[in-house]
Amino acid sequence: MTQTIGVGIIGYGTVGQASARILREHAAELAARAGAPIEVRAICRRTPVPESPWPYYSDWRQVVSNPEVAVVVETMGGTGEARQAVHAALAAGKPVVTANKNLIARHGDEIFAYAASRNLPIGMEASVAGGLPVIRAIAEGTAADRLSSIRGILNGTTNYILSRMEASGLDFAEALRAAQSAGYAESDPAMDISGQDARDKLCILSRLGFGLPLPAEEIPMRGIAAINAVDIQYARQLGRKIRSLAVAEWVGEILEVSVGPWLLPQESSLAKVEGVNNAVLLQGDNIGEQILQGPGAGGAATGVAVVSDVLDIAAMLVSGHLGVRPMPGFACAAAAPWSGLSSHSGWYLRLTIQDDRPGILARVAELIAREGINIDSVVQAPHMGKSRLSFVITVEPVDEARLRRALEHINACEFMLEPALALRIG
């Protein structure tokens, strides 16, 4: 065995602790695979770490400058100090492993460019879908193929909420409280339920899969807060389930990219994903359809992904061949022919009206027809109160821009109690 590879962990929360535990508990196996022992030599957290078995610092700079640290692991999150810490580690000639999807989605171009200038690798398997090896599957496993689409359930919190609504008949607010009580949702769940968390992850996967520098902040996203129990019931009547999907797929020469809830056939593979699990469905010219599914979050699953990257880099250090890892879609100059609008999709429209009276459906149908949109079906649950009645119209595949124009006119009608809910049908 050669000299021990020292690891410094910046951010000693759930993922940082799990990574340290795995490095300690699997030390013998990891040493055998890397060709040298891998040991935690320093940890950093703002608040004290009681009875820490490793040297503890409150300032990440002390971890980066520690001469016993050869690999820096960043699990602190955010894009402020985390960005500084990653740059400082690279400046010090130390490779980095990160679980920070926000950092990579927003600043990946500059980080990978700087890493390349220092000839240093960055491991980021843990930044998307926790323990699912989706980064490697796309960046390496499908490198010889042309992907036509990436579809994924990339946020366990939203999937848990929708699953609870299906299983228990809960409304959104009740299911959110259940997710918070179970520890699956933060006290402030905005990042999850708005779609922002999934959007950052989709940005990373799309860059890797299609080699295009997509700007994360421009990818359109729709959250799940407007979905309620009646939508779950209507979806069931239509033989479907509601799932929040992150989608990037080629339609002709345009890559269509978006995040939001869809109605999926009950028998489809993504519709069957329950609870906090994640799943990524890849479609390629030669690989056909492949799915990766499993726990997408949590300390243990994400810690495994972190340690896998540490192991790869440790093996590079032992072999004396430490070098940059090219990442397609990052630090590249190619223009991205992409769109945030669907060019050809069916839609579920749930309208909630007051004072049900003759002529309302005819008026809605007229506004839809004015945009050249064909209605596929009209569904209304029986015995609804007349003062607040919800019914559903599904329409045949249509350009989303036309659908939005129709909805603008419908929402302006005096009988509408709230804006119509529009969900894509897959």
Protein backbone atom coordinates (compact mmCIF):
# COMPACT_ATOMS: atom_id res chain seq x y z
CA MET A 1 0.00 0.00 0.00
CA THR A 2 1.17 3.49 -0.85
CA GLN A 3 0.63 6.67 1.11
CA THR A 4 -2.83 7.26 2.59
CA ILE A 5 -5.19 9.44 0.56
CA GLY A 6 -6.57 12.09 2.91
CA VAL A 7 -10.11 13.42 2.44
CA GLY A 8 -11.50 16.71 3.75
CA ILE A 9 -15.28 17.11 3.98
CA ILE A 10 -16.75 20.62 3.88
CA GLY A 11 -20.34 20.51 5.05
CA TYR A 12 -20.92 17.90 7.74
CA GLY A 13 -24.68 17.48 7.52
CA THR A 14 -26.66 14.44 6.46
CA VAL A 15 -24.65 13.71 3.30
CA GLY A 16 -21.28 14.69 4.75
CA GLN A 17 -21.78 12.45 7.77
CA ALA A 18 -22.94 9.53 5.63
CA SER A 19 -19.92 9.92 3.34
CA ALA A 20 -17.54 9.92 6.31
CA ARG A 21 -19.25 6.87 7.80
CA ILE A 22 -19.02 4.92 4.54
CA LEU A 23 -15.33 5.80 4.17
CA ARG A 24 -14.70 4.47 7.67
CA GLU A 25 -16.92 1.37 7.57
CA HIS A 26 -15.74 0.27 4.12
CA ALA A 27 -12.13 1.27 4.59
CA ALA A 28 -10.62 -2.15 3.79
CA GLU A 29 -12.61 -2.66 0.60
CA LEU A 30 -11.96 0.88 -0.60
CA ALA A 31 -8.23 0.59 0.09
CA ALA A 32 -8.06 -2.63 -1.90
CA ARG A 33 -9.80 -1.04 -4.87
CA ALA A 34 -7.88 2.23 -4.80
CA GLY A 35 -4.48 0.70 -4.05
CA ALA A 36 -4.06 2.88 -0.94
CA PRO A 37 -5.95 3.63 2.29
CA ILE A 38 -8.52 6.42 2.05
CA GLU A 39 -9.15 8.27 5.29
CA VAL A 40 -11.04 11.35 6.44
CA ARG A 41 -8.48 13.84 7.73
CA ALA A 42 -10.65 16.91 8.36
CA ILE A 43 -14.30 17.97 8.50
CA CYS A 44 -15.92 21.40 8.50
CA ARG A 45 -19.25 22.56 9.87
CA ARG A 46 -20.37 25.94 11.13
CA THR A 47 -21.80 24.46 14.31
CA PRO A 48 -19.68 22.29 16.65
CA VAL A 49 -19.43 18.55 16.00
CA PRO A 50 -19.62 16.79 19.39
CA GLU A 51 -17.22 13.88 19.87
CA SER A 52 -15.96 14.02 16.30
CA PRO A 53 -13.51 11.20 15.47
CA TRP A 54 -11.81 13.55 12.99
CA PRO A 55 -10.22 16.99 13.26
CA TYR A 56 -13.05 19.52 13.15
CA TYR A 57 -12.94 23.09 11.79
CA SER A 58 -15.55 25.81 11.54
CA ASP A 59 -13.77 27.49 8.60
CA TRP A 60 -13.62 25.59 5.29
CA ARG A 61 -10.33 27.31 4.44
CA GLN A 62 -8.63 25.24 7.12
CA VAL A 63 -9.76 22.06 5.39
CA VAL A 64 -8.59 23.22 1.97
CA SER A 65 -5.18 24.27 3.30
CA ASN A 66 -4.67 21.15 5.41
CA PRO A 67 -1.56 19.39 4.00
CA GLU A 68 -3.04 15.99 4.89
CA VAL A 69 -6.08 16.57 2.67
CA ALA A 70 -5.59 15.41 -0.92
CA VAL A 71 -9.25 15.34 -2.01
CA VAL A 72 -11.86 17.94 -1.01
CA VAL A 73 -15.51 16.87 -0.70
CA GLU A 74 -18.07 19.70 -0.83
CA THR A 75 -21.45 18.84 0.68
CA MET A 76 -22.33 22.21 2.20
CA GLY A 77 -24.83 23.22 -0.52
CA GLY A 78 -25.67 26.65 -1.87
CA THR A 79 -23.80 28.66 -4.45
CA GLY A 80 -21.99 31.25 -2.33
CA GLU A 81 -19.36 29.85 -0.01
CA ALA A 82 -19.53 26.48 -1.74
CA ARG A 83 -18.39 28.13 -4.97
CA GLN A 84 -15.51 29.82 -3.14
CA ALA A 85 -14.49 26.56 -1.47
CA VAL A 86 -14.44 24.63 -4.75
CA HIS A 87 -12.36 27.30 -6.47
CA ALA A 88 -9.96 27.44 -3.52
CA ALA A 89 -9.49 23.67 -3.54
CA LEU A 90 -8.75 23.66 -7.27
CA ALA A 91 -6.38 26.59 -6.85
CA ALA A 92 -4.57 24.54 -4.22
CA GLY A 93 -4.18 21.69 -6.72
CA LYS A 94 -6.73 19.44 -5.03
CA PRO A 95 -9.44 17.54 -6.92
CA VAL A 96 -13.02 18.07 -5.79
CA VAL A 97 -16.07 15.86 -5.25
CA THR A 98 -19.39 17.71 -4.93
CA ALA A 99 -23.01 16.78 -4.25
CA ASN A 100 -24.18 20.31 -5.07
CA LYS A 101 -26.59 20.34 -8.02
CA ASN A 102 -27.33 24.08 -7.62
CA LEU A 103 -23.65 24.93 -7.89
CA ILE A 104 -23.05 22.74 -10.95
CA ALA A 105 -26.24 23.84 -12.73
CA ARG A 106 -25.51 27.55 -12.27
CA HIS A 107 -21.71 27.74 -12.25
CA GLY A 108 -20.62 24.50 -13.87
CA ASP A 109 -19.15 26.24 -16.91
CA GLU A 110 -16.67 28.30 -14.94
CA ILE A 111 -15.88 25.50 -12.48
CA PHE A 112 -15.13 22.90 -15.15
CA ALA A 113 -13.15 25.42 -17.19
CA TYR A 114 -11.01 26.25 -14.16
CA ALA A 115 -10.59 22.58 -13.28
CA ALA A 116 -9.42 21.92 -16.85
CA SER A 117 -6.89 24.74 -16.59
CA ARG A 118 -5.52 23.05 -13.46
CA ASN A 119 -5.76 19.56 -15.01
CA LEU A 120 -7.87 18.39 -12.09
CA PRO A 121 -10.95 16.14 -12.00
CA ILE A 122 -14.31 17.00 -10.46
CA GLY A 123 -16.64 14.24 -9.30
CA MET A 124 -20.34 15.12 -9.28
CA GLU A 125 -22.23 11.80 -9.35
CA ALA A 126 -24.04 12.73 -6.13
CA SER A 127 -25.43 15.97 -7.57
CA VAL A 128 -28.35 14.22 -9.33
CA ALA A 129 -30.61 11.40 -8.09
CA GLY A 130 -28.53 10.47 -5.05
CA GLY A 131 -27.42 6.86 -5.29
CA LEU A 132 -28.56 6.31 -8.87
CA PRO A 133 -25.45 6.23 -11.11
CA VAL A 134 -27.18 8.39 -13.70
CA ILE A 135 -24.27 10.78 -14.30
CA ARG A 136 -22.00 7.89 -15.30
CA ALA A 137 -24.78 6.23 -17.27
CA ILE A 138 -25.23 9.33 -19.42
CA ALA A 139 -21.69 10.76 -19.58
CA GLU A 140 -19.98 7.40 -20.10
CA GLY A 141 -22.47 4.60 -20.68
CA THR A 142 -24.32 6.28 -23.55
CA ALA A 143 -21.38 8.25 -24.97
CA ALA A 144 -21.33 6.15 -28.15
CA ASP A 145 -25.06 6.58 -28.78
CA ARG A 146 -27.33 9.51 -29.62
CA LEU A 147 -29.88 10.09 -26.89
CA SER A 148 -33.29 11.16 -28.12
CA SER A 149 -34.83 11.84 -24.71
CA ILE A 150 -34.26 12.02 -20.98
CA ARG A 151 -37.31 11.84 -18.75
CA GLY A 152 -37.03 11.68 -15.01
CA ILE A 153 -38.66 11.88 -11.63
CA LEU A 154 -35.84 13.81 -10.00
CA ASN A 155 -37.37 15.07 -6.77
CA GLY A 156 -38.38 12.60 -4.08
CA THR A 157 -40.39 15.13 -2.08
CA THR A 158 -42.84 15.91 -4.88
CA ASN A 159 -43.15 12.24 -5.77
CA TYR A 160 -43.91 11.38 -2.14
CA ILE A 161 -46.58 14.09 -1.97
CA LEU A 162 -48.30 12.94 -5.18
CA SER A 163 -48.09 9.29 -4.06
CA ARG A 164 -49.72 10.13 -0.70
CA MET A 165 -52.46 12.07 -2.46
CA GLU A 166 -53.17 9.00 -4.61
CA ALA A 167 -53.02 6.46 -1.81
CA SER A 168 -54.90 8.37 0.89
CA GLY A 169 -57.10 10.86 -0.93
CA LEU A 170 -55.30 13.77 0.70
CA ASP A 171 -55.32 17.28 -0.65
CA PHE A 172 -52.01 18.92 -1.46
CA ALA A 173 -51.63 20.81 1.83
CA GLU A 174 -52.34 17.67 3.88
CA ALA A 175 -49.88 15.58 1.85
CA LEU A 176 -47.21 18.27 2.22
CA ARG A 177 -47.65 18.24 6.01
CA ALA A 178 -47.33 14.44 5.95
CA ALA A 179 -44.09 14.74 3.96
CA GLN A 180 -42.73 17.26 6.46
CA SER A 181 -43.70 15.06 9.41
CA ALA A 182 -41.94 12.09 7.79
CA GLY A 183 -38.80 14.14 7.20
CA TYR A 184 -39.15 14.08 3.40
CA ALA A 185 -39.87 17.80 3.03
CA GLU A 186 -38.14 20.83 4.50
CA SER A 187 -39.97 23.35 6.68
CA ASP A 188 -39.62 25.62 3.63
CA PRO A 189 -40.35 23.22 0.74
CA ALA A 190 -40.30 25.86 -2.02
CA MET A 191 -37.25 24.47 -3.85
CA ASP A 192 -38.95 21.09 -4.16
CA ILE A 193 -42.60 21.84 -4.82
CA SER A 194 -41.86 24.70 -7.27
CA GLY A 195 -39.78 22.43 -9.51
CA GLN A 196 -36.52 24.34 -9.00
CA ASP A 197 -34.64 21.39 -7.51
CA ALA A 198 -35.63 19.14 -10.42
CA ARG A 199 -34.85 21.92 -12.90
CA ASP A 200 -31.23 22.18 -11.73
CA LYS A 201 -30.84 18.42 -11.98
CA LEU A 202 -32.39 18.34 -15.44
CA CYS A 203 -30.01 21.08 -16.54
CA ILE A 204 -27.04 18.90 -15.56
CA LEU A 205 -28.40 15.74 -17.20
CA SER A 206 -29.35 17.60 -20.39
CA ARG A 207 -25.90 19.15 -20.70
CA LEU A 208 -24.27 15.75 -20.28
CA GLY A 209 -26.69 13.91 -22.55
CA PHE A 210 -26.93 16.42 -25.39
CA GLY A 211 -23.72 18.46 -25.08
CA LEU A 212 -25.57 21.77 -25.03
CA PRO A 213 -24.90 24.62 -22.56
CA LEU A 214 -28.45 25.04 -21.26
CA PRO A 215 -28.99 27.92 -18.80
CA ALA A 216 -30.71 26.48 -15.72
CA GLU A 217 -32.57 29.67 -14.84
CA GLU A 218 -34.27 29.79 -18.25
CA ILE A 219 -35.69 26.25 -18.20
CA PRO A 220 -39.45 26.61 -17.58
CA MET A 221 -40.85 24.90 -14.52
CA ARG A 222 -44.30 24.34 -13.08
CA GLY A 223 -44.82 23.21 -9.50
CA ILE A 224 -47.37 20.88 -7.95
CA ALA A 225 -49.04 23.20 -5.41
CA ALA A 226 -52.10 23.75 -7.66
CA ILE A 227 -52.84 20.02 -7.88
CA ASN A 228 -55.55 18.85 -5.50
CA ALA A 229 -57.50 15.74 -4.67
CA VAL A 230 -59.99 16.24 -7.49
CA ASP A 231 -57.15 16.09 -10.03
CA ILE A 232 -56.02 12.74 -8.62
CA GLN A 233 -59.61 11.49 -8.98
CA TYR A 234 -59.97 12.75 -12.55
CA ALA A 235 -56.60 11.28 -13.50
CA ARG A 236 -57.75 7.91 -12.16
CA GLN A 237 -60.94 8.15 -14.24
CA LEU A 238 -58.76 8.75 -17.29
CA GLY A 239 -56.61 5.71 -16.48
CA ARG A 240 -53.63 7.85 -15.51
CA LYS A 241 -51.45 9.04 -12.63
CA ILE A 242 -49.93 12.44 -12.02
CA ARG A 243 -46.14 12.62 -11.77
CA SER A 244 -43.82 15.63 -11.81
CA LEU A 245 -41.37 15.04 -14.65
CA ALA A 246 -38.16 16.67 -15.78
CA VAL A 247 -38.04 16.20 -19.57
CA ALA A 248 -35.53 16.93 -22.30
CA GLU A 249 -36.19 15.41 -25.72
CA TRP A 250 -35.43 16.06 -29.34
CA VAL A 251 -38.38 17.08 -31.47
CA GLY A 252 -36.95 17.45 -34.93
CA GLU A 253 -33.93 19.73 -34.60
CA ILE A 254 -35.12 21.39 -31.39
CA LEU A 255 -34.49 20.12 -27.87
CA GLU A 256 -37.63 20.65 -25.79
CA VAL A 257 -36.83 21.06 -22.09
CA SER A 258 -39.22 21.58 -19.16
CA VAL A 259 -40.17 20.57 -15.63
CA GLY A 260 -43.73 20.07 -14.44
CA PRO A 261 -46.54 17.63 -13.63
CA TRP A 262 -47.78 15.23 -16.30
CA LEU A 263 -50.65 12.76 -16.64
CA LEU A 264 -49.06 9.38 -17.42
CA PRO A 265 -50.68 6.05 -18.28
CA GLN A 266 -51.02 4.00 -15.10
CA GLU A 267 -49.05 1.11 -16.62
CA SER A 268 -46.06 3.26 -17.66
CA SER A 269 -42.75 2.75 -15.88
CA LEU A 270 -42.54 6.30 -14.52
CA ALA A 271 -46.14 6.27 -13.26
CA LYS A 272 -45.26 3.23 -11.14
CA VAL A 273 -42.51 5.08 -9.25
CA GLU A 274 -43.82 5.60 -5.72
CA GLY A 275 -42.79 7.47 -2.60
CA VAL A 276 -39.43 9.22 -2.39
CA ASN A 277 -37.90 7.14 -5.17
CA ASN A 278 -36.35 8.74 -8.24
CA ALA A 279 -36.21 7.34 -11.75
CA VAL A 280 -34.55 8.33 -15.01
CA LEU A 281 -35.76 6.98 -18.35
CA LEU A 282 -33.27 7.20 -21.21
CA GLN A 283 -34.13 6.71 -24.88
CA GLY A 284 -31.35 6.27 -27.41
CA ASP A 285 -30.97 5.32 -31.06
CA ASN A 286 -29.17 2.09 -30.20
CA ILE A 287 -29.72 1.47 -26.48
CA GLY A 288 -33.49 1.70 -26.85
CA GLU A 289 -35.30 2.48 -23.61
CA GLN A 290 -33.51 2.07 -20.29
CA ILE A 291 -34.58 3.07 -16.79
CA LEU A 292 -32.62 3.65 -13.58
CA GLN A 293 -34.75 3.66 -10.45
CA GLY A 294 -34.21 3.79 -6.69
CA PRO A 295 -33.72 6.09 -3.71
CA GLY A 296 -32.80 9.49 -5.07
CA ALA A 297 -32.05 11.25 -1.83
CA GLY A 298 -31.06 10.66 1.76
CA GLY A 299 -27.66 10.49 3.37
CA ALA A 300 -26.86 6.84 2.72
CA ALA A 301 -27.71 6.77 -1.00
CA THR A 302 -26.07 10.11 -1.74
CA GLY A 303 -23.06 9.23 0.41
CA VAL A 304 -22.44 6.15 -1.72
CA ALA A 305 -22.28 8.36 -4.82
CA VAL A 306 -19.86 10.75 -3.09
CA VAL A 307 -17.56 7.94 -1.99
CA SER A 308 -17.63 6.36 -5.46
CA ASP A 309 -16.22 9.59 -6.88
CA VAL A 310 -13.64 9.77 -4.08
CA LEU A 311 -12.59 6.21 -4.89
CA ASP A 312 -12.12 7.01 -8.58
CA ILE A 313 -9.98 10.04 -7.80
CA ALA A 314 -7.97 8.15 -5.18
CA ALA A 315 -7.16 5.47 -7.77
CA MET A 316 -6.00 8.21 -10.15
CA LEU A 317 -3.73 9.66 -7.44
CA VAL A 318 -2.26 6.23 -6.69
CA SER A 319 -1.58 5.54 -10.37
CA GLY A 320 0.03 8.94 -10.84
CA HIS A 321 -2.40 9.81 -13.65
CA LEU A 322 -4.48 12.54 -12.07
CA GLY A 323 -6.14 14.54 -14.80
CA VAL A 324 -9.17 16.46 -15.93
CA ARG A 325 -12.44 14.69 -16.68
CA PRO A 326 -14.08 16.24 -19.73
CA MET A 327 -17.77 16.85 -19.15
CA PRO A 328 -19.86 17.33 -22.30
CA GLY A 329 -22.12 20.36 -22.18
CA PHE A 330 -19.91 22.29 -19.75
CA ALA A 331 -17.36 24.94 -20.65
CA CYS A 332 -18.40 24.62 -24.29
CA ALA A 333 -19.28 27.33 -26.79
CA ALA A 334 -21.91 25.55 -28.90
CA ALA A 335 -25.25 27.32 -29.22
CA ALA A 336 -28.23 25.41 -27.88
CA PRO A 337 -31.22 25.01 -30.23
CA TRP A 338 -33.75 24.43 -27.48
CA SER A 339 -37.24 25.45 -26.44
CA GLY A 340 -39.21 25.48 -23.22
CA LEU A 341 -42.53 24.94 -25.00
CA SER A 342 -44.05 21.67 -26.11
CA SER A 343 -44.64 21.57 -29.86
CA HIS A 344 -47.04 18.63 -29.90
CA SER A 345 -48.64 17.35 -26.70
CA GLY A 346 -52.09 16.49 -25.42
CA TRP A 347 -53.30 18.42 -22.39
CA TYR A 348 -55.49 17.99 -19.32
CA LEU A 349 -57.37 21.18 -18.41
CA ARG A 350 -59.18 21.41 -15.08
CA LEU A 351 -61.56 24.38 -14.86
CA THR A 352 -63.14 25.50 -11.59
CA ILE A 353 -66.22 27.65 -12.00
CA GLN A 354 -68.85 29.36 -9.87
CA ASP A 355 -72.63 29.38 -10.33
CA ASP A 356 -72.85 26.53 -12.84
CA ARG A 357 -75.30 27.49 -15.54
CA PRO A 358 -76.14 26.62 -19.15
CA GLY A 359 -73.74 27.89 -21.79
CA ILE A 360 -70.46 27.78 -19.85
CA LEU A 361 -69.16 24.64 -21.52
CA ALA A 362 -70.18 25.98 -24.92
CA ARG A 363 -68.31 29.23 -24.25
CA VAL A 364 -65.15 27.35 -23.19
CA ALA A 365 -65.39 25.09 -26.23
CA GLU A 366 -65.71 28.14 -28.48
CA LEU A 367 -62.53 29.73 -27.05
CA ILE A 368 -60.65 26.46 -27.48
CA ALA A 369 -61.87 26.01 -31.05
CA ARG A 370 -60.90 29.59 -31.90
CA GLU A 371 -57.24 28.51 -31.58
CA GLY A 372 -57.80 25.47 -33.78
CA ILE A 373 -57.61 23.03 -30.87
CA ASN A 374 -59.62 19.81 -30.90
CA ILE A 375 -61.33 18.63 -27.70
CA ASP A 376 -60.78 14.96 -26.94
CA SER A 377 -63.06 14.50 -23.93
CA VAL A 378 -65.06 16.28 -21.22
CA VAL A 379 -65.23 14.73 -17.74
CA GLN A 380 -67.25 15.90 -14.74
CA ALA A 381 -67.56 14.08 -11.42
CA PRO A 382 -71.19 13.66 -10.28
CA HIS A 383 -72.79 15.39 -7.30
CA MET A 384 -70.47 18.41 -7.19
CA GLY A 385 -71.76 21.59 -5.60
CA LYS A 386 -72.95 24.22 -8.05
CA SER A 387 -71.16 27.10 -6.30
CA ARG A 388 -67.72 25.56 -6.88
CA LEU A 389 -67.64 23.01 -9.64
CA SER A 390 -64.58 21.51 -11.31
CA PHE A 391 -64.66 19.73 -14.63
CA VAL A 392 -61.96 18.53 -16.99
CA ILE A 393 -61.41 18.96 -20.70
CA THR A 394 -58.69 16.98 -22.44
CA VAL A 395 -57.46 18.22 -25.79
CA GLU A 396 -55.66 16.51 -28.63
CA PRO A 397 -51.94 17.22 -29.23
CA VAL A 398 -51.39 20.90 -29.89
CA ASP A 399 -48.63 23.48 -29.94
CA GLU A 400 -48.32 24.82 -26.39
CA ALA A 401 -48.26 28.46 -27.50
CA ARG A 402 -51.75 28.06 -29.00
CA LEU A 403 -53.01 26.35 -25.86
CA ARG A 404 -51.68 29.21 -23.69
CA ARG A 405 -53.53 31.75 -25.84
CA ALA A 406 -56.78 29.82 -25.38
CA LEU A 407 -56.23 29.59 -21.62
CA GLU A 408 -55.61 33.32 -21.40
CA HIS A 409 -59.08 33.96 -22.82
CA ILE A 410 -60.71 31.25 -20.69
CA ASN A 411 -59.15 32.56 -17.48
CA ALA A 412 -60.54 36.02 -18.25
CA CYS A 413 -64.13 34.72 -18.22
CA GLU A 414 -66.29 35.94 -15.33
CA PHE A 415 -67.34 32.42 -14.33
CA MET A 416 -63.77 31.23 -13.60
CA LEU A 417 -62.95 31.02 -9.86
CA GLU A 418 -59.23 30.42 -10.43
CA PRO A 419 -56.87 29.95 -13.37
CA ALA A 420 -57.33 26.69 -15.23
CA LEU A 421 -54.83 23.95 -14.33
CA ALA A 422 -53.02 22.65 -17.42
CA LEU A 423 -51.06 19.39 -17.28
CA ARG A 424 -49.33 17.67 -20.16
CA ILE A 425 -50.55 14.22 -21.11
CA GLY A 426 -47.81 11.70 -21.86
